[in-house]
Amino acid sequence: MNLKEKLAKLDRAAPIFSSASPDFEISAFAALLPGEEFPTEFGPCWRNRISYDTASLHGRYRIGDILDVDAAPLVYVAKNADYGNIRLENLLFIDTEATGLSGGVGTVAYLIGIGFFEDERFVIEQFFMREFSEESAALQSFMAHFERARGRNGAIVSFNGKSFDLPLLANRAVIHRLDWPDPNFANIDVLHPARRLWKESYEECTLAALESRVLGVEREGDVPGYLIPELYFRYLRTGDPRPLGPVFYHNQMDILSLVGLLNEMIKLYQGEAENLSDDVDWLRMGRAYDDMRAYDDGLKFYQDLLSQDLPPGKRTGVLLRIAAIHKKNRQYVEAVPFWQEALQQDGFCLEAYEELAKACEHRIIDLEKAKNYTQSALENLGVIDELRPNPYYEEARQGLLWRLKRLERKMGKSV
């Protein structure tokens, strides 16, 4: 019997009662779903609170490891120059479970999970709507934590939160005429740097896949994401909250994995990764330095990579990045050896040929060398085109021919 069949059987056998009925007993509800009724100025909602020692393990990582790292690399993780002074102990990790998987009008976050550090512990609070009338209370409970993190120089941390969780919560707050906190507050969406780091190695960049491969977490008793909306509607039909237990667990695991993944990303950009893992796309990771125009940090990052035993293809890519940084800094003489080594690694490297030809023509003023590099590029382009035909090659060939003719005209005038 698969999970859907078990849930269907439980649905048929469930007693019919409603949280809206006058004889609804809180104690009876608490016996079926962890938590307690939580009062707010907008009425009650259901709150489940779990507290972890910061030394507790989640996969291979301690939950509190993130408190021991420097926040400065957040600039590169989030690609935002303003994030270097965020206080990691005041981060607010958020994950929601909703009535729909794609958002849109009518979708409601029926379970809002948040995680935060408090009194040397990591706390997860889950605000649950027993019925739709409790949405204002659940939203307000979350927003109080939002304001707390904002006032303490923290940040929101989510997985696809920029596209799903936060817009959903903000829209629902507007519907209930609640004052949504600062929309420009620091928001670290772990999905985007995760794709930058691991997309080339993993078929999926879902949170569950990443936590298994990166953190070494294996979930037990979890519920598939596609069933999460249906389980809530089933609860509303029957009033039986027992099938929602795995949803609460799923939400807790997501929040704990957010902590571990962000910690791992910070360590990677801090240069504290113990091994040069083949799973990480190091060149794509380094793009963050280029995008932030942090050329000094980028140069150090690539030079550290160059000291490793890299396969030829990756080594060529690193050499080209180092040369590109020197070029941006107008250090053409310093860039030349890296382009030359790139050619030694890969004799078909057109980028190295072209850059050397440009440098020799315009900066070093050695037209003979510029001509030789251009002719070699044309010869190699012809070989590549025979092996792997590509429409781009004709455009590249025309550009090289145009450069060669210009060089020949210049050399003729200089004689």
Protein backbone atom coordinates (compact mmCIF):
# COMPACT_ATOMS: atom_id res chain seq x y z
CA MET A 1 0.00 0.00 0.00
CA ASN A 2 1.54 3.29 -1.08
CA LEU A 3 1.33 6.60 0.80
CA LYS A 4 -1.66 7.93 -1.15
CA GLU A 5 -3.62 4.72 -0.50
CA LYS A 6 -2.79 4.87 3.22
CA LEU A 7 -3.96 8.48 3.40
CA ALA A 8 -7.15 7.64 1.53
CA LYS A 9 -7.86 4.82 3.98
CA LEU A 10 -7.20 7.14 6.90
CA ASP A 11 -9.51 9.73 5.31
CA ARG A 12 -12.38 7.24 5.09
CA ALA A 13 -11.83 6.08 8.67
CA ALA A 14 -11.43 9.55 10.16
CA PRO A 15 -14.03 10.90 12.57
CA ILE A 16 -15.87 13.94 11.28
CA PHE A 17 -15.46 16.97 13.50
CA SER A 18 -14.82 20.62 12.85
CA SER A 19 -12.56 23.12 14.59
CA ALA A 20 -15.36 25.63 14.03
CA SER A 21 -17.94 23.66 16.00
CA PRO A 22 -18.90 24.97 19.46
CA ASP A 23 -17.90 21.76 21.20
CA PHE A 24 -14.42 21.78 19.66
CA GLU A 25 -11.91 20.78 22.33
CA ILE A 26 -8.40 22.25 22.18
CA SER A 27 -7.04 19.38 24.24
CA ALA A 28 -8.45 16.88 21.77
CA PHE A 29 -6.85 18.73 18.88
CA ALA A 30 -3.51 18.89 20.70
CA ALA A 31 -3.62 15.13 21.17
CA LEU A 32 -3.72 14.71 17.39
CA LEU A 33 -1.35 17.47 16.23
CA PRO A 34 1.65 18.91 18.14
CA GLY A 35 1.31 22.46 19.42
CA GLU A 36 -1.04 24.71 21.33
CA GLU A 37 -3.51 27.48 20.71
CA PHE A 38 -1.65 30.77 20.37
CA PRO A 39 -3.49 34.04 21.12
CA THR A 40 -2.91 37.20 19.04
CA GLU A 41 -4.66 40.55 18.74
CA PHE A 42 -6.43 39.12 15.67
CA GLY A 43 -7.63 36.04 17.50
CA PRO A 44 -5.98 32.64 17.95
CA CYS A 45 -4.09 30.34 15.62
CA TRP A 46 -2.25 27.10 16.28
CA ARG A 47 1.45 27.27 17.12
CA ASN A 48 3.95 24.44 17.31
CA ARG A 49 7.30 25.36 18.87
CA ILE A 50 10.41 23.15 18.74
CA SER A 51 13.75 24.03 20.29
CA TYR A 52 17.14 22.53 19.35
CA ASP A 53 20.51 22.71 21.03
CA THR A 54 22.92 24.49 18.66
CA ALA A 55 25.21 21.44 18.95
CA SER A 56 22.47 19.21 17.46
CA LEU A 57 23.38 17.56 14.18
CA HIS A 58 21.42 17.94 10.96
CA GLY A 59 23.10 15.53 8.60
CA ARG A 60 26.83 16.22 8.77
CA TYR A 61 26.48 19.71 10.24
CA ARG A 62 25.81 21.21 13.63
CA ILE A 63 22.85 23.57 13.57
CA GLY A 64 24.92 26.25 15.31
CA ASP A 65 27.89 26.07 12.93
CA ILE A 66 26.60 29.11 11.06
CA LEU A 67 27.15 31.26 14.15
CA ASP A 68 30.89 30.61 13.94
CA VAL A 69 31.47 31.89 10.40
CA ASP A 70 32.07 35.40 9.10
CA ALA A 71 29.07 37.15 7.53
CA ALA A 72 31.19 39.01 4.94
CA PRO A 73 30.86 36.28 2.23
CA LEU A 74 27.09 36.84 2.22
CA VAL A 75 27.91 39.66 -0.22
CA TYR A 76 28.87 36.99 -2.78
CA VAL A 77 26.30 34.38 -1.78
CA ALA A 78 23.46 36.86 -2.31
CA LYS A 79 25.34 39.07 -4.79
CA ASN A 80 24.41 42.17 -2.81
CA ALA A 81 27.07 44.60 -1.56
CA ASP A 82 24.89 45.64 1.40
CA TYR A 83 24.79 42.20 3.01
CA GLY A 84 28.30 42.04 4.46
CA ASN A 85 27.28 43.41 7.88
CA ILE A 86 24.25 41.19 8.49
CA ARG A 87 24.23 39.63 11.94
CA LEU A 88 23.98 35.88 11.41
CA GLU A 89 22.53 35.29 14.87
CA ASN A 90 19.51 37.38 13.81
CA LEU A 91 18.68 35.56 10.59
CA LEU A 92 15.06 34.52 10.15
CA PHE A 93 14.64 31.28 8.17
CA ILE A 94 11.21 30.88 6.58
CA ASP A 95 9.32 28.15 4.75
CA THR A 96 5.60 27.93 4.02
CA GLU A 97 3.20 25.14 3.10
CA ALA A 98 0.35 26.36 0.92
CA THR A 99 -2.96 25.34 -0.61
CA GLY A 100 -1.36 25.50 -4.06
CA LEU A 101 2.09 24.86 -5.50
CA SER A 102 2.24 27.70 -8.01
CA GLY A 103 0.85 30.64 -6.05
CA GLY A 104 -1.75 32.88 -7.62
CA VAL A 105 -5.06 34.31 -6.46
CA GLY A 106 -6.72 32.13 -3.84
CA THR A 107 -3.55 30.38 -2.71
CA VAL A 108 -3.07 30.55 1.05
CA ALA A 109 -0.08 29.69 3.23
CA TYR A 110 -1.83 27.52 5.78
CA LEU A 111 1.41 26.71 7.64
CA ILE A 112 4.09 29.37 8.13
CA GLY A 113 7.33 27.97 9.54
CA ILE A 114 10.13 30.15 10.85
CA GLY A 115 13.48 29.38 12.44
CA PHE A 116 15.67 31.66 14.54
CA PHE A 117 18.40 31.61 17.18
CA GLU A 118 17.34 32.50 20.71
CA ASP A 119 19.19 32.08 24.04
CA GLU A 120 21.83 29.78 22.51
CA ARG A 121 19.18 27.54 20.97
CA PHE A 122 17.65 27.24 17.54
CA VAL A 123 13.87 27.58 17.65
CA ILE A 124 11.32 26.62 15.01
CA GLU A 125 7.84 28.06 15.33
CA GLN A 126 5.05 26.89 13.04
CA PHE A 127 1.88 28.97 12.75
CA PHE A 128 -1.03 26.91 11.48
CA MET A 129 -4.51 27.97 10.32
CA ARG A 130 -7.03 25.54 11.79
CA GLU A 131 -9.57 27.35 9.62
CA PHE A 132 -9.34 30.24 7.15
CA SER A 133 -10.55 32.74 9.75
CA GLU A 134 -7.19 32.27 11.53
CA GLU A 135 -5.10 33.54 8.60
CA SER A 136 -4.75 37.07 10.02
CA ALA A 137 -3.46 35.67 13.31
CA ALA A 138 -0.91 33.43 11.57
CA LEU A 139 0.27 36.27 9.33
CA GLN A 140 0.60 38.70 12.22
CA SER A 141 2.59 36.15 14.23
CA PHE A 142 5.06 35.81 11.37
CA MET A 143 5.26 39.56 10.80
CA ALA A 144 6.17 40.15 14.45
CA HIS A 145 9.26 37.98 13.94
CA PHE A 146 9.93 39.76 10.63
CA GLU A 147 10.03 43.11 12.43
CA ARG A 148 12.24 41.67 15.17
CA ALA A 149 14.83 40.46 12.64
CA ARG A 150 14.71 43.78 10.77
CA GLY A 151 15.35 45.72 13.96
CA ARG A 152 18.38 43.60 14.77
CA ASN A 153 20.14 43.82 11.38
CA GLY A 154 19.14 40.32 10.40
CA ALA A 155 17.78 38.98 7.10
CA ILE A 156 15.11 36.67 5.73
CA VAL A 157 16.47 33.34 4.44
CA SER A 158 14.30 31.19 2.17
CA PHE A 159 14.38 28.70 -0.68
CA ASN A 160 12.59 30.24 -3.66
CA GLY A 161 11.13 32.74 -1.21
CA LYS A 162 11.63 35.71 -3.51
CA SER A 163 9.34 34.16 -6.09
CA PHE A 164 6.89 32.23 -3.92
CA ASP A 165 6.79 32.48 -0.11
CA LEU A 166 7.26 36.21 0.45
CA PRO A 167 5.07 37.48 -2.42
CA LEU A 168 2.37 35.06 -1.26
CA LEU A 169 2.52 36.28 2.34
CA ALA A 170 2.70 39.93 1.29
CA ASN A 171 -0.37 39.59 -0.93
CA ARG A 172 -2.34 37.85 1.81
CA ALA A 173 -1.32 40.59 4.26
CA VAL A 174 -2.69 43.22 1.88
CA ILE A 175 -5.98 41.32 1.62
CA HIS A 176 -6.26 41.36 5.42
CA ARG A 177 -5.20 45.04 5.58
CA LEU A 178 -2.10 44.26 7.58
CA ASP A 179 0.95 46.51 7.38
CA TRP A 180 3.59 44.47 5.56
CA PRO A 181 7.12 45.19 6.87
CA ASP A 182 9.81 46.84 4.76
CA PRO A 183 9.75 45.13 1.32
CA ASN A 184 13.41 46.12 0.80
CA PHE A 185 14.56 44.20 3.87
CA ALA A 186 17.52 41.88 3.25
CA ASN A 187 16.30 38.67 1.60
CA ILE A 188 18.67 35.77 0.95
CA ASP A 189 17.06 33.29 -1.43
CA VAL A 190 19.23 30.17 -1.17
CA LEU A 191 17.86 28.71 -4.42
CA HIS A 192 19.83 31.06 -6.68
CA PRO A 193 23.34 30.57 -5.24
CA ALA A 194 22.56 26.83 -4.95
CA ARG A 195 21.99 26.66 -8.70
CA ARG A 196 25.18 28.61 -9.24
CA LEU A 197 27.17 26.12 -7.19
CA TRP A 198 25.60 22.73 -7.92
CA LYS A 199 23.34 22.90 -10.98
CA GLU A 200 25.95 21.38 -13.30
CA SER A 201 26.47 18.39 -11.00
CA TYR A 202 22.96 17.56 -9.82
CA GLU A 203 19.96 16.76 -11.99
CA GLU A 204 17.74 18.55 -9.49
CA CYS A 205 18.38 21.59 -7.32
CA THR A 206 15.38 21.03 -5.06
CA LEU A 207 15.89 21.56 -1.36
CA ALA A 208 15.39 17.84 -0.67
CA ALA A 209 17.99 16.86 -3.29
CA LEU A 210 20.53 19.40 -2.03
CA GLU A 211 20.13 18.44 1.61
CA SER A 212 20.79 14.81 0.72
CA ARG A 213 23.85 15.44 -1.47
CA VAL A 214 25.38 18.44 0.30
CA LEU A 215 24.33 18.00 3.92
CA GLY A 216 23.99 14.22 4.12
CA VAL A 217 20.40 14.43 5.40
CA GLU A 218 18.02 11.52 4.82
CA ARG A 219 14.41 12.21 5.74
CA GLU A 220 12.20 9.58 7.36
CA GLY A 221 8.42 9.84 7.42
CA ASP A 222 8.33 12.78 5.02
CA VAL A 223 5.44 13.59 2.71
CA PRO A 224 5.84 14.34 -1.02
CA GLY A 225 5.44 18.03 -1.79
CA TYR A 226 2.66 17.49 -4.31
CA LEU A 227 0.42 16.03 -1.57
CA ILE A 228 0.79 18.97 0.82
CA PRO A 229 -2.13 21.05 -0.55
CA GLU A 230 -4.45 18.02 -0.68
CA LEU A 231 -3.68 17.04 2.91
CA TYR A 232 -4.90 20.43 4.15
CA PHE A 233 -8.13 20.23 2.16
CA ARG A 234 -8.62 16.73 3.51
CA TYR A 235 -8.23 18.11 7.02
CA LEU A 236 -10.81 20.83 6.30
CA ARG A 237 -13.27 18.19 5.06
CA THR A 238 -12.83 15.80 7.97
CA GLY A 239 -11.53 17.99 10.79
CA ASP A 240 -8.94 15.27 11.50
CA PRO A 241 -5.45 16.87 11.70
CA ARG A 242 -3.50 13.61 12.00
CA PRO A 243 -2.45 13.41 8.32
CA LEU A 244 -0.85 16.86 8.72
CA GLY A 245 1.83 15.53 11.09
CA PRO A 246 4.18 14.67 8.17
CA VAL A 247 3.57 18.18 6.74
CA PHE A 248 4.78 19.76 9.98
CA TYR A 249 7.84 17.47 9.86
CA HIS A 250 8.47 18.37 6.20
CA ASN A 251 8.38 22.06 7.09
CA GLN A 252 10.79 21.58 10.01
CA MET A 253 13.28 19.68 7.83
CA ASP A 254 13.14 22.41 5.17
CA ILE A 255 14.01 25.07 7.74
CA LEU A 256 16.88 23.07 9.26
CA SER A 257 18.27 22.42 5.77
CA LEU A 258 18.15 26.13 4.95
CA VAL A 259 20.48 26.72 7.90
CA GLY A 260 22.90 24.01 6.78
CA LEU A 261 22.96 25.05 3.12
CA LEU A 262 23.56 28.72 3.89
CA ASN A 263 26.35 27.75 6.25
CA GLU A 264 27.97 25.61 3.54
CA MET A 265 27.73 28.43 0.98
CA ILE A 266 29.33 30.94 3.33
CA LYS A 267 32.16 28.51 4.05
CA LEU A 268 32.75 27.97 0.33
CA TYR A 269 33.04 31.69 -0.33
CA GLN A 270 35.16 32.04 2.78
CA GLY A 271 37.62 29.51 1.36
CA GLU A 272 37.06 27.07 4.21
CA ALA A 273 35.88 24.09 2.16
CA GLU A 274 38.01 21.12 3.22
CA ASN A 275 38.24 19.57 -0.24
CA LEU A 276 37.93 20.74 -3.81
CA SER A 277 34.68 18.91 -4.44
CA ASP A 278 33.91 18.06 -8.04
CA ASP A 279 30.25 18.67 -7.22
CA VAL A 280 30.82 22.43 -6.96
CA ASP A 281 30.98 24.41 -10.19
CA TRP A 282 33.92 26.51 -9.06
CA LEU A 283 34.09 28.66 -12.17
CA ARG A 284 30.42 29.54 -12.00
CA MET A 285 30.81 30.19 -8.29
CA GLY A 286 33.59 32.65 -9.09
CA ARG A 287 31.24 34.63 -11.34
CA ALA A 288 29.87 36.23 -8.19
CA TYR A 289 33.18 38.05 -7.71
CA ASP A 290 33.10 39.23 -11.32
CA ASP A 291 29.46 40.35 -11.07
CA MET A 292 30.23 42.28 -7.87
CA ARG A 293 33.38 43.75 -9.47
CA ALA A 294 35.33 42.43 -6.49
CA TYR A 295 38.39 41.78 -8.62
CA ASP A 296 40.90 41.50 -5.79
CA ASP A 297 38.83 38.86 -3.99
CA GLY A 298 38.17 37.14 -7.31
CA LEU A 299 41.86 37.06 -8.16
CA LYS A 300 42.66 35.46 -4.82
CA PHE A 301 39.85 32.94 -5.30
CA TYR A 302 41.08 31.90 -8.76
CA GLN A 303 44.71 31.78 -7.69
CA ASP A 304 43.76 29.48 -4.84
CA LEU A 305 42.00 27.27 -7.37
CA LEU A 306 45.07 27.30 -9.59
CA SER A 307 47.15 25.87 -6.75
CA GLN A 308 44.92 22.76 -6.79
CA ASP A 309 45.35 19.73 -9.00
CA LEU A 310 42.74 20.71 -11.58
CA PRO A 311 41.85 18.76 -14.72
CA PRO A 312 43.04 20.54 -17.91
CA GLY A 313 39.63 21.89 -18.92
CA LYS A 314 38.96 23.51 -15.54
CA ARG A 315 42.52 24.79 -15.30
CA THR A 316 42.11 26.53 -18.66
CA GLY A 317 38.94 28.20 -17.44
CA VAL A 318 40.67 29.47 -14.29
CA LEU A 319 43.63 30.80 -16.30
CA LEU A 320 41.27 32.72 -18.59
CA ARG A 321 39.44 34.23 -15.60
CA ILE A 322 42.70 35.41 -14.02
CA ALA A 323 43.81 36.93 -17.32
CA ALA A 324 40.42 38.64 -17.69
CA ILE A 325 40.78 40.27 -14.25
CA HIS A 326 44.25 41.57 -15.14
CA LYS A 327 42.82 42.90 -18.40
CA LYS A 328 40.03 44.74 -16.55
CA ASN A 329 42.70 46.26 -14.32
CA ARG A 330 44.64 47.27 -17.48
CA GLN A 331 47.48 44.96 -16.45
CA TYR A 332 48.07 43.54 -19.91
CA VAL A 333 51.65 42.43 -19.34
CA GLU A 334 50.51 40.44 -16.28
CA ALA A 335 47.65 38.87 -18.26
CA VAL A 336 49.79 37.55 -21.15
CA PRO A 337 51.41 34.61 -19.27
CA PHE A 338 47.98 33.29 -18.26
CA TRP A 339 46.67 33.39 -21.83
CA GLN A 340 49.83 31.67 -22.97
CA GLU A 341 49.48 28.94 -20.36
CA ALA A 342 45.86 28.51 -21.40
CA LEU A 343 47.11 27.73 -24.90
CA GLN A 344 49.51 25.16 -23.47
CA GLN A 345 46.59 23.53 -21.68
CA ASP A 346 44.27 23.73 -24.70
CA GLY A 347 45.76 24.47 -28.10
CA PHE A 348 42.26 25.09 -29.50
CA CYS A 349 41.45 27.87 -27.03
CA LEU A 350 40.24 30.63 -29.38
CA GLU A 351 39.69 33.08 -26.55
CA ALA A 352 43.36 32.92 -25.58
CA TYR A 353 44.49 33.38 -29.19
CA GLU A 354 42.21 36.36 -29.71
CA GLU A 355 43.13 38.05 -26.44
CA LEU A 356 46.83 37.60 -27.10
CA ALA A 357 46.41 39.04 -30.58
CA LYS A 358 44.54 42.07 -29.18
CA ALA A 359 47.12 42.64 -26.44
CA CYS A 360 50.04 42.41 -28.86
CA GLU A 361 48.38 44.72 -31.37
CA HIS A 362 47.05 47.43 -29.07
CA ARG A 363 49.04 47.28 -25.81
CA ILE A 364 52.36 45.56 -26.25
CA ILE A 365 52.69 46.83 -29.86
CA ASP A 366 54.20 43.71 -31.38
CA LEU A 367 52.35 43.36 -34.68
CA GLU A 368 54.30 40.28 -35.80
CA LYS A 369 53.21 38.36 -32.72
CA ALA A 370 49.67 39.62 -33.12
CA LYS A 371 49.64 38.34 -36.69
CA ASN A 372 51.04 34.94 -35.65
CA TYR A 373 48.41 34.51 -32.94
CA THR A 374 45.64 35.46 -35.40
CA GLN A 375 46.88 33.03 -38.05
CA SER A 376 47.15 30.23 -35.46
CA ALA A 377 43.59 30.99 -34.32
CA LEU A 378 42.35 30.69 -37.93
CA GLU A 379 44.15 27.38 -38.43
CA ASN A 380 42.75 25.91 -35.22
CA LEU A 381 39.29 27.25 -35.97
CA GLY A 382 39.34 25.33 -39.24
CA VAL A 383 40.22 22.11 -37.42
CA ILE A 384 37.52 22.66 -34.79
CA ASP A 385 34.93 23.44 -37.47
CA GLU A 386 35.66 20.12 -39.18
CA LEU A 387 35.32 18.22 -35.91
CA ARG A 388 32.34 20.09 -34.48
CA PRO A 389 30.54 22.25 -37.10
CA ASN A 390 28.85 25.28 -35.58
CA PRO A 391 27.32 28.40 -37.18
CA TYR A 392 29.26 30.52 -34.66
CA TYR A 393 32.56 29.50 -36.23
CA GLU A 394 31.87 31.33 -39.49
CA GLU A 395 31.24 34.56 -37.59
CA ALA A 396 34.44 34.00 -35.58
CA ARG A 397 36.40 33.26 -38.78
CA GLN A 398 35.23 36.47 -40.42
CA GLY A 399 36.31 38.43 -37.36
CA LEU A 400 39.77 36.85 -37.41
CA LEU A 401 40.16 37.46 -41.15
CA TRP A 402 39.22 41.11 -40.65
CA ARG A 403 41.81 41.38 -37.84
CA LEU A 404 44.48 39.71 -40.01
CA LYS A 405 43.89 42.13 -42.90
CA ARG A 406 44.10 45.12 -40.55
CA LEU A 407 47.35 43.83 -39.09
CA GLU A 408 48.82 43.33 -42.54
CA ARG A 409 47.88 46.90 -43.50
CA LYS A 410 49.49 48.23 -40.34
CA MET A 411 52.64 46.17 -40.91
CA GLY A 412 52.80 47.37 -44.53
CA LYS A 413 52.65 50.99 -43.41
CA SER A 414 55.34 50.44 -40.78
CA VAL A 415 57.87 49.05 -43.27
